[in-house]
Amino acid sequence: MKKYFRPLYFRLLDLFDWGQRLKNGKLYWPPLSLRDVGDSDFEATGLEFVNHFKKLCYLQPNENILEIGCGSGRIAMPLTNYLNPSGHYYGIEIVADMVKWCQKNISSRHPNFKFIHADLYNKRYNPDATQLAKDYTFPFDNATFDFIYLTSVFTHLLPEDTEAYFQEISRLLKPNGRVFATFFVLNDRQQQLAKQGLNVINFNFECGTYSLKNETIPEFAVAYQENYLLQLLHDCGLVISPPIIYGSWSGLAEAISLQDFIIARRVQA
């Protein structure tokens, strides 16, 4: 019964959402069942990250961009108003329906925006797939991209996958190309805030270099030790600059976003 109830449930939600989008002039948005962005505002969050890319990563309108984990185009949509015809965007996503929506509704209007389905296993988001992320080779030549970004991706990946992705990111970046990624970073300051009960998310299941929120579904939320991440990026030829920008999830009042930002550049070959 669950097999049939869940699609019906989402069809009903999408029907209600269609009415709301029609009312608010937002029919260009993806349906609710494809907007899996938690409690955040779909449109505002997309604009927020584009502004971070311009301010913190000096993103230029003519650059080649790769988004890993593009979802249903939350960030790609505002980028269509920033990239010029010389710039190119590629989005990789493991949820097939999201890719199909983006191809139909974004690529059809913006030919320099391409979306690719990577049918990779993730217990939370794509449990029926068989290929593992750690074994995936991204379908691009070496040194293709000026800028690669991942938002709320490494927060759902285990170490083998995270390490493989960073190896691929290093391969795909041009010399001095930049990567922007969000994390839940574990360090002494975060631990002090945790003892005060200020962490928004509690990672109670420690696994060495990383910790989990949910032991049954490990990919539900993953946090990494800071020293592990610093060493990993160094081993992949990536230099962090500026220093890690910590998010509000740990209880920091002065944070500019929920998750922690790591920005790094590919060492000049």
C-alpha atoms as a PDB file:
ATOM      1  CA  MET A   1       0.000   0.000   0.000  1.00  0.00           C
ATOM      2  CA  LYS A   2       2.843   2.447   0.814  1.00  0.00           C
ATOM      3  CA  LYS A   3       4.162   2.030  -2.724  1.00  0.00           C
ATOM      4  CA  TYR A   4       0.980   3.605  -4.111  1.00  0.00           C
ATOM      5  CA  PHE A   5       0.053   5.929  -1.238  1.00  0.00           C
ATOM      6  CA  ARG A   6       3.269   7.987  -1.357  1.00  0.00           C
ATOM      7  CA  PRO A   7       2.962   9.019  -5.053  1.00  0.00           C
ATOM      8  CA  LEU A   8      -0.733   9.852  -4.510  1.00  0.00           C
ATOM      9  CA  TYR A   9       0.170  11.902  -1.441  1.00  0.00           C
ATOM     10  CA  PHE A  10       2.710  13.936  -3.402  1.00  0.00           C
ATOM     11  CA  ARG A  11       0.344  14.390  -6.346  1.00  0.00           C
ATOM     12  CA  LEU A  12      -2.178  15.930  -3.970  1.00  0.00           C
ATOM     13  CA  LEU A  13       0.500  18.165  -2.445  1.00  0.00           C
ATOM     14  CA  ASP A  14       1.643  19.223  -5.903  1.00  0.00           C
ATOM     15  CA  LEU A  15      -1.924  20.037  -6.900  1.00  0.00           C
ATOM     16  CA  PHE A  16      -2.329  22.288  -3.853  1.00  0.00           C
ATOM     17  CA  ASP A  17       1.109  23.786  -4.468  1.00  0.00           C
ATOM     18  CA  TRP A  18       0.204  24.509  -8.100  1.00  0.00           C
ATOM     19  CA  GLY A  19      -2.674  26.634  -6.860  1.00  0.00           C
ATOM     20  CA  GLN A  20      -0.372  28.497  -4.493  1.00  0.00           C
ATOM     21  CA  ARG A  21       2.243  29.059  -7.193  1.00  0.00           C
ATOM     22  CA  LEU A  22      -0.436  30.283  -9.594  1.00  0.00           C
ATOM     23  CA  LYS A  23      -1.714  32.680  -6.946  1.00  0.00           C
ATOM     24  CA  ASN A  24       1.772  34.024  -6.197  1.00  0.00           C
ATOM     25  CA  GLY A  25       3.015  34.143  -9.786  1.00  0.00           C
ATOM     26  CA  LYS A  26       5.583  31.390  -9.173  1.00  0.00           C
ATOM     27  CA  LEU A  27       4.555  28.815 -11.777  1.00  0.00           C
ATOM     28  CA  TYR A  28       8.147  28.761 -13.027  1.00  0.00           C
ATOM     29  CA  TRP A  29       9.134  27.031  -9.776  1.00  0.00           C
ATOM     30  CA  PRO A  30       9.383  23.230  -9.646  1.00  0.00           C
ATOM     31  CA  PRO A  31       6.483  21.439  -7.920  1.00  0.00           C
ATOM     32  CA  LEU A  32       6.615  20.938  -4.171  1.00  0.00           C
ATOM     33  CA  SER A  33       7.552  17.249  -4.438  1.00  0.00           C
ATOM     34  CA  LEU A  34      10.787  18.295  -6.175  1.00  0.00           C
ATOM     35  CA  ARG A  35      11.635  21.174  -3.842  1.00  0.00           C
ATOM     36  CA  ASP A  36      13.302  19.123  -1.090  1.00  0.00           C
ATOM     37  CA  VAL A  37      15.093  22.006   0.625  1.00  0.00           C
ATOM     38  CA  GLY A  38      14.008  21.473   4.221  1.00  0.00           C
ATOM     39  CA  ASP A  39      12.732  24.546   6.049  1.00  0.00           C
ATOM     40  CA  SER A  40      14.548  27.040   3.839  1.00  0.00           C
ATOM     41  CA  ASP A  41      12.871  29.320   1.311  1.00  0.00           C
ATOM     42  CA  PHE A  42      13.485  27.958  -2.197  1.00  0.00           C
ATOM     43  CA  GLU A  43      13.833  31.275  -3.997  1.00  0.00           C
ATOM     44  CA  ALA A  44      15.607  33.227  -1.247  1.00  0.00           C
ATOM     45  CA  THR A  45      18.173  30.481  -0.634  1.00  0.00           C
ATOM     46  CA  GLY A  46      19.049  30.240  -4.308  1.00  0.00           C
ATOM     47  CA  LEU A  47      19.643  33.988  -4.485  1.00  0.00           C
ATOM     48  CA  GLU A  48      21.605  33.867  -1.233  1.00  0.00           C
ATOM     49  CA  PHE A  49      24.102  31.372  -2.595  1.00  0.00           C
ATOM     50  CA  VAL A  50      24.560  33.192  -5.902  1.00  0.00           C
ATOM     51  CA  ASN A  51      25.447  36.284  -3.869  1.00  0.00           C
ATOM     52  CA  HIS A  52      27.910  34.238  -1.788  1.00  0.00           C
ATOM     53  CA  PHE A  53      29.539  32.968  -4.991  1.00  0.00           C
ATOM     54  CA  LYS A  54      29.953  36.486  -6.338  1.00  0.00           C
ATOM     55  CA  LYS A  55      31.219  37.977  -3.081  1.00  0.00           C
ATOM     56  CA  LEU A  56      33.326  35.136  -1.649  1.00  0.00           C
ATOM     57  CA  CYS A  57      34.428  33.259  -4.787  1.00  0.00           C
ATOM     58  CA  TYR A  58      34.513  36.137  -7.313  1.00  0.00           C
ATOM     59  CA  LEU A  59      32.280  34.257  -9.737  1.00  0.00           C
ATOM     60  CA  GLN A  60      32.324  35.820 -13.205  1.00  0.00           C
ATOM     61  CA  PRO A  61      29.480  35.722 -15.766  1.00  0.00           C
ATOM     62  CA  ASN A  62      31.644  34.071 -18.433  1.00  0.00           C
ATOM     63  CA  GLU A  63      32.978  31.149 -16.373  1.00  0.00           C
ATOM     64  CA  ASN A  64      32.379  27.406 -16.685  1.00  0.00           C
ATOM     65  CA  ILE A  65      30.475  26.128 -13.642  1.00  0.00           C
ATOM     66  CA  LEU A  66      29.688  22.664 -12.285  1.00  0.00           C
ATOM     67  CA  GLU A  67      27.086  22.136  -9.585  1.00  0.00           C
ATOM     68  CA  ILE A  68      27.227  18.725  -7.906  1.00  0.00           C
ATOM     69  CA  GLY A  69      23.843  17.951  -6.385  1.00  0.00           C
ATOM     70  CA  CYS A  70      21.852  20.512  -8.355  1.00  0.00           C
ATOM     71  CA  GLY A  71      18.441  19.305  -7.145  1.00  0.00           C
ATOM     72  CA  SER A  72      15.581  20.955  -9.008  1.00  0.00           C
ATOM     73  CA  GLY A  73      17.503  24.090  -9.930  1.00  0.00           C
ATOM     74  CA  ARG A  74      17.283  26.175  -6.762  1.00  0.00           C
ATOM     75  CA  ILE A  75      20.626  27.845  -7.523  1.00  0.00           C
ATOM     76  CA  ALA A  76      20.703  27.250 -11.271  1.00  0.00           C
ATOM     77  CA  MET A  77      17.564  29.336 -11.748  1.00  0.00           C
ATOM     78  CA  PRO A  78      19.007  32.613 -10.395  1.00  0.00           C
ATOM     79  CA  LEU A  79      22.292  31.858 -12.160  1.00  0.00           C
ATOM     80  CA  THR A  80      20.442  32.065 -15.492  1.00  0.00           C
ATOM     81  CA  ASN A  81      20.160  35.793 -14.790  1.00  0.00           C
ATOM     82  CA  TYR A  82      23.890  36.124 -14.097  1.00  0.00           C
ATOM     83  CA  LEU A  83      25.804  33.977 -16.590  1.00  0.00           C
ATOM     84  CA  ASN A  84      26.249  35.456 -20.045  1.00  0.00           C
ATOM     85  CA  PRO A  85      26.255  33.375 -23.259  1.00  0.00           C
ATOM     86  CA  SER A  86      30.002  32.736 -22.865  1.00  0.00           C
ATOM     87  CA  GLY A  87      29.460  31.107 -19.478  1.00  0.00           C
ATOM     88  CA  HIS A  88      28.374  27.488 -19.184  1.00  0.00           C
ATOM     89  CA  TYR A  89      26.647  25.654 -16.369  1.00  0.00           C
ATOM     90  CA  TYR A  90      26.444  21.886 -15.795  1.00  0.00           C
ATOM     91  CA  GLY A  91      24.370  20.349 -13.023  1.00  0.00           C
ATOM     92  CA  ILE A  92      24.751  16.752 -11.762  1.00  0.00           C
ATOM     93  CA  GLU A  93      21.944  15.178  -9.712  1.00  0.00           C
ATOM     94  CA  ILE A  94      21.115  11.664  -8.480  1.00  0.00           C
ATOM     95  CA  VAL A  95      17.312  12.141  -8.422  1.00  0.00           C
ATOM     96  CA  ALA A  96      16.087  11.511 -11.977  1.00  0.00           C
ATOM     97  CA  ASP A  97      12.802  13.443 -11.716  1.00  0.00           C
ATOM     98  CA  MET A  98      14.643  16.577 -10.660  1.00  0.00           C
ATOM     99  CA  VAL A  99      16.971  16.328 -13.657  1.00  0.00           C
ATOM    100  CA  LYS A 100      14.041  15.837 -16.036  1.00  0.00           C
ATOM    101  CA  TRP A 101      12.312  18.918 -14.645  1.00  0.00           C
ATOM    102  CA  CYS A 102      15.444  21.040 -15.028  1.00  0.00           C
ATOM    103  CA  GLN A 103      16.036  19.834 -18.584  1.00  0.00           C
ATOM    104  CA  LYS A 104      12.451  20.643 -19.566  1.00  0.00           C
ATOM    105  CA  ASN A 105      12.110  23.963 -17.781  1.00  0.00           C
ATOM    106  CA  ILE A 106      15.613  25.444 -17.586  1.00  0.00           C
ATOM    107  CA  SER A 107      17.718  23.983 -20.421  1.00  0.00           C
ATOM    108  CA  SER A 108      14.896  24.564 -22.902  1.00  0.00           C
ATOM    109  CA  ARG A 109      15.115  28.301 -22.193  1.00  0.00           C
ATOM    110  CA  HIS A 110      18.849  28.534 -21.520  1.00  0.00           C
ATOM    111  CA  PRO A 111      20.918  26.316 -23.878  1.00  0.00           C
ATOM    112  CA  ASN A 112      24.132  26.975 -21.926  1.00  0.00           C
ATOM    113  CA  PHE A 113      22.599  25.207 -18.892  1.00  0.00           C
ATOM    114  CA  LYS A 114      22.894  21.402 -19.015  1.00  0.00           C
ATOM    115  CA  PHE A 115      21.648  18.841 -16.488  1.00  0.00           C
ATOM    116  CA  ILE A 116      22.917  15.260 -16.142  1.00  0.00           C
ATOM    117  CA  HIS A 117      21.510  12.355 -14.150  1.00  0.00           C
ATOM    118  CA  ALA A 118      24.043  10.327 -12.151  1.00  0.00           C
ATOM    119  CA  ASP A 119      22.229   7.234 -10.876  1.00  0.00           C
ATOM    120  CA  LEU A 120      24.235   6.852  -7.662  1.00  0.00           C
ATOM    121  CA  TYR A 121      23.244   5.089  -4.465  1.00  0.00           C
ATOM    122  CA  ASN A 122      22.286   7.145  -1.446  1.00  0.00           C
ATOM    123  CA  LYS A 123      20.248   5.545   1.305  1.00  0.00           C
ATOM    124  CA  ARG A 124      18.282   8.738   1.862  1.00  0.00           C
ATOM    125  CA  TYR A 125      17.816  10.141  -1.649  1.00  0.00           C
ATOM    126  CA  ASN A 126      18.345   7.319  -4.167  1.00  0.00           C
ATOM    127  CA  PRO A 127      18.144   3.955  -2.364  1.00  0.00           C
ATOM    128  CA  ASP A 128      17.356   1.857  -5.460  1.00  0.00           C
ATOM    129  CA  ALA A 129      20.559   2.697  -7.322  1.00  0.00           C
ATOM    130  CA  THR A 130      23.481   0.264  -7.341  1.00  0.00           C
ATOM    131  CA  GLN A 131      26.488   2.363  -8.395  1.00  0.00           C
ATOM    132  CA  LEU A 132      28.397   3.908  -5.500  1.00  0.00           C
ATOM    133  CA  ALA A 133      29.458   7.540  -5.456  1.00  0.00           C
ATOM    134  CA  LYS A 134      33.027   6.523  -4.610  1.00  0.00           C
ATOM    135  CA  ASP A 135      33.256   4.697  -7.951  1.00  0.00           C
ATOM    136  CA  TYR A 136      31.793   7.485 -10.085  1.00  0.00           C
ATOM    137  CA  THR A 137      33.835   9.381 -12.666  1.00  0.00           C
ATOM    138  CA  PHE A 138      32.290  12.675 -13.657  1.00  0.00           C
ATOM    139  CA  PRO A 139      31.773  12.842 -17.455  1.00  0.00           C
ATOM    140  CA  PHE A 140      34.074  15.794 -18.117  1.00  0.00           C
ATOM    141  CA  ASP A 141      37.666  16.283 -19.213  1.00  0.00           C
ATOM    142  CA  ASN A 142      40.423  17.367 -16.852  1.00  0.00           C
ATOM    143  CA  ALA A 143      40.625  21.084 -16.043  1.00  0.00           C
ATOM    144  CA  THR A 144      37.176  21.883 -17.487  1.00  0.00           C
ATOM    145  CA  PHE A 145      35.740  24.173 -14.809  1.00  0.00           C
ATOM    146  CA  ASP A 146      36.551  27.550 -13.300  1.00  0.00           C
ATOM    147  CA  PHE A 147      34.145  27.026 -10.419  1.00  0.00           C
ATOM    148  CA  ILE A 148      32.557  23.960  -8.786  1.00  0.00           C
ATOM    149  CA  TYR A 149      30.087  24.129  -5.947  1.00  0.00           C
ATOM    150  CA  LEU A 150      28.206  21.714  -3.693  1.00  0.00           C
ATOM    151  CA  THR A 151      25.565  22.819  -1.187  1.00  0.00           C
ATOM    152  CA  SER A 152      24.221  20.263   1.301  1.00  0.00           C
ATOM    153  CA  VAL A 153      26.006  17.416  -0.488  1.00  0.00           C
ATOM    154  CA  PHE A 154      28.926  16.488   1.767  1.00  0.00           C
ATOM    155  CA  THR A 155      26.475  16.739   4.658  1.00  0.00           C
ATOM    156  CA  HIS A 156      24.914  13.559   3.212  1.00  0.00           C
ATOM    157  CA  LEU A 157      28.032  11.659   2.096  1.00  0.00           C
ATOM    158  CA  LEU A 158      30.235   9.205   3.973  1.00  0.00           C
ATOM    159  CA  PRO A 159      34.053   9.463   3.902  1.00  0.00           C
ATOM    160  CA  GLU A 160      34.788   7.144   0.957  1.00  0.00           C
ATOM    161  CA  ASP A 161      32.394   9.123  -1.214  1.00  0.00           C
ATOM    162  CA  THR A 162      33.623  12.476   0.074  1.00  0.00           C
ATOM    163  CA  GLU A 163      37.244  11.555  -0.654  1.00  0.00           C
ATOM    164  CA  ALA A 164      36.401  10.336  -4.159  1.00  0.00           C
ATOM    165  CA  TYR A 165      34.436  13.494  -4.918  1.00  0.00           C
ATOM    166  CA  PHE A 166      37.312  15.732  -3.864  1.00  0.00           C
ATOM    167  CA  GLN A 167      39.708  13.763  -6.066  1.00  0.00           C
ATOM    168  CA  GLU A 168      37.338  14.321  -8.959  1.00  0.00           C
ATOM    169  CA  ILE A 169      36.865  17.998  -8.097  1.00  0.00           C
ATOM    170  CA  SER A 170      40.629  18.482  -8.128  1.00  0.00           C
ATOM    171  CA  ARG A 171      40.833  16.772 -11.525  1.00  0.00           C
ATOM    172  CA  LEU A 172      38.025  18.851 -13.008  1.00  0.00           C
ATOM    173  CA  LEU A 173      39.162  22.283 -11.794  1.00  0.00           C
ATOM    174  CA  LYS A 174      41.362  24.477 -13.929  1.00  0.00           C
ATOM    175  CA  PRO A 175      44.572  25.678 -12.242  1.00  0.00           C
ATOM    176  CA  ASN A 176      43.470  28.267  -9.676  1.00  0.00           C
ATOM    177  CA  GLY A 177      39.856  27.206 -10.167  1.00  0.00           C
ATOM    178  CA  ARG A 178      37.695  27.399  -7.047  1.00  0.00           C
ATOM    179  CA  VAL A 179      35.431  25.022  -5.167  1.00  0.00           C
ATOM    180  CA  PHE A 180      32.722  26.073  -2.712  1.00  0.00           C
ATOM    181  CA  ALA A 181      31.237  23.398  -0.439  1.00  0.00           C
ATOM    182  CA  THR A 182      29.081  23.358   2.666  1.00  0.00           C
ATOM    183  CA  PHE A 183      29.665  21.109   5.674  1.00  0.00           C
ATOM    184  CA  PHE A 184      28.881  20.455   9.274  1.00  0.00           C
ATOM    185  CA  VAL A 185      32.380  20.912  10.740  1.00  0.00           C
ATOM    186  CA  LEU A 186      33.302  19.410  14.104  1.00  0.00           C
ATOM    187  CA  ASN A 187      35.949  21.242  16.146  1.00  0.00           C
ATOM    188  CA  ASP A 188      36.696  22.404  19.695  1.00  0.00           C
ATOM    189  CA  ARG A 189      34.532  25.518  19.479  1.00  0.00           C
ATOM    190  CA  GLN A 190      31.585  23.541  18.140  1.00  0.00           C
ATOM    191  CA  GLN A 191      32.034  21.011  20.946  1.00  0.00           C
ATOM    192  CA  GLN A 192      31.956  23.783  23.543  1.00  0.00           C
ATOM    193  CA  LEU A 193      28.712  25.085  22.055  1.00  0.00           C
ATOM    194  CA  ALA A 194      27.326  21.538  22.024  1.00  0.00           C
ATOM    195  CA  LYS A 195      27.957  21.227  25.767  1.00  0.00           C
ATOM    196  CA  GLN A 196      25.892  24.392  26.220  1.00  0.00           C
ATOM    197  CA  GLY A 197      23.056  22.805  24.228  1.00  0.00           C
ATOM    198  CA  LEU A 198      23.426  25.335  21.392  1.00  0.00           C
ATOM    199  CA  ASN A 199      24.011  23.003  18.432  1.00  0.00           C
ATOM    200  CA  VAL A 200      20.940  23.014  16.180  1.00  0.00           C
ATOM    201  CA  ILE A 201      21.754  19.468  15.052  1.00  0.00           C
ATOM    202  CA  ASN A 202      23.143  16.847  17.418  1.00  0.00           C
ATOM    203  CA  PHE A 203      25.611  14.361  15.953  1.00  0.00           C
ATOM    204  CA  ASN A 204      25.566  11.776  18.720  1.00  0.00           C
ATOM    205  CA  PHE A 205      27.005   8.811  16.826  1.00  0.00           C
ATOM    206  CA  GLU A 206      30.784   9.214  16.600  1.00  0.00           C
ATOM    207  CA  CYS A 207      32.631   7.256  13.894  1.00  0.00           C
ATOM    208  CA  GLY A 208      36.215   8.481  14.139  1.00  0.00           C
ATOM    209  CA  THR A 209      36.729  11.263  11.591  1.00  0.00           C
ATOM    210  CA  TYR A 210      32.992  11.866  11.251  1.00  0.00           C
ATOM    211  CA  SER A 211      29.760  11.711  13.251  1.00  0.00           C
ATOM    212  CA  LEU A 212      26.157  10.921  12.372  1.00  0.00           C
ATOM    213  CA  LYS A 213      22.789  12.275  13.380  1.00  0.00           C
ATOM    214  CA  ASN A 214      20.978   9.034  12.478  1.00  0.00           C
ATOM    215  CA  GLU A 215      22.673   5.657  12.823  1.00  0.00           C
ATOM    216  CA  THR A 216      19.959   3.845  10.844  1.00  0.00           C
ATOM    217  CA  ILE A 217      20.214   6.157   7.841  1.00  0.00           C
ATOM    218  CA  PRO A 218      23.847   7.325   7.981  1.00  0.00           C
ATOM    219  CA  GLU A 219      23.457   9.720   5.037  1.00  0.00           C
ATOM    220  CA  PHE A 220      20.642  11.577   6.800  1.00  0.00           C
ATOM    221  CA  ALA A 221      23.211  14.066   8.157  1.00  0.00           C
ATOM    222  CA  VAL A 222      26.995  13.720   8.361  1.00  0.00           C
ATOM    223  CA  ALA A 223      29.484  15.964  10.176  1.00  0.00           C
ATOM    224  CA  TYR A 224      33.264  15.853   9.707  1.00  0.00           C
ATOM    225  CA  GLN A 225      36.200  16.593  11.956  1.00  0.00           C
ATOM    226  CA  GLU A 226      37.895  19.791  10.817  1.00  0.00           C
ATOM    227  CA  ASN A 227      41.418  18.348  10.819  1.00  0.00           C
ATOM    228  CA  TYR A 228      40.281  15.488   8.593  1.00  0.00           C
ATOM    229  CA  LEU A 229      38.835  17.918   6.041  1.00  0.00           C
ATOM    230  CA  LEU A 230      41.914  20.141   6.059  1.00  0.00           C
ATOM    231  CA  GLN A 231      44.168  17.148   5.405  1.00  0.00           C
ATOM    232  CA  LEU A 232      41.873  15.799   2.694  1.00  0.00           C
ATOM    233  CA  LEU A 233      41.857  19.040   0.753  1.00  0.00           C
ATOM    234  CA  HIS A 234      45.618  19.347   1.093  1.00  0.00           C
ATOM    235  CA  ASP A 235      46.076  15.819  -0.240  1.00  0.00           C
ATOM    236  CA  CYS A 236      43.899  16.708  -3.234  1.00  0.00           C
ATOM    237  CA  GLY A 237      45.961  19.768  -4.130  1.00  0.00           C
ATOM    238  CA  LEU A 238      43.389  22.247  -2.851  1.00  0.00           C
ATOM    239  CA  VAL A 239      44.245  25.293  -0.739  1.00  0.00           C
ATOM    240  CA  ILE A 240      41.579  26.759   1.543  1.00  0.00           C
ATOM    241  CA  SER A 241      41.136  30.504   1.104  1.00  0.00           C
ATOM    242  CA  PRO A 242      39.599  32.303   2.942  1.00  0.00           C
ATOM    243  CA  PRO A 243      39.566  30.374   6.248  1.00  0.00           C
ATOM    244  CA  ILE A 244      36.507  28.231   6.978  1.00  0.00           C
ATOM    245  CA  ILE A 245      33.374  30.357   7.385  1.00  0.00           C
ATOM    246  CA  TYR A 246      31.403  28.759  10.207  1.00  0.00           C
ATOM    247  CA  GLY A 247      27.612  28.513  10.129  1.00  0.00           C
ATOM    248  CA  SER A 248      24.871  28.977  12.671  1.00  0.00           C
ATOM    249  CA  TRP A 249      24.088  25.261  13.041  1.00  0.00           C
ATOM    250  CA  SER A 250      26.653  25.012  15.833  1.00  0.00           C
ATOM    251  CA  GLY A 251      25.129  27.934  17.736  1.00  0.00           C
ATOM    252  CA  LEU A 252      27.246  30.802  16.416  1.00  0.00           C
ATOM    253  CA  ALA A 253      25.215  33.983  16.555  1.00  0.00           C
ATOM    254  CA  GLU A 254      27.321  35.872  13.999  1.00  0.00           C
ATOM    255  CA  ALA A 255      27.059  33.305  11.184  1.00  0.00           C
ATOM    256  CA  ILE A 256      25.957  34.277   7.665  1.00  0.00           C
ATOM    257  CA  SER A 257      24.335  30.912   6.839  1.00  0.00           C
ATOM    258  CA  LEU A 258      23.272  27.652   8.461  1.00  0.00           C
ATOM    259  CA  GLN A 259      26.068  25.355   7.302  1.00  0.00           C
ATOM    260  CA  ASP A 260      29.822  25.899   7.326  1.00  0.00           C
ATOM    261  CA  PHE A 261      31.472  27.142   4.102  1.00  0.00           C
ATOM    262  CA  ILE A 262      34.755  25.782   2.801  1.00  0.00           C
ATOM    263  CA  ILE A 263      36.212  27.609  -0.191  1.00  0.00           C
ATOM    264  CA  ALA A 264      39.377  26.340  -1.816  1.00  0.00           C
ATOM    265  CA  ARG A 265      41.350  26.784  -5.022  1.00  0.00           C
ATOM    266  CA  ARG A 266      43.228  24.280  -7.158  1.00  0.00           C
ATOM    267  CA  VAL A 267      46.975  24.653  -6.781  1.00  0.00           C
ATOM    268  CA  GLN A 268      48.613  25.976  -9.930  1.00  0.00           C
ATOM    269  CA  ALA A 269      50.048  23.057 -11.915  1.00  0.00           C
END
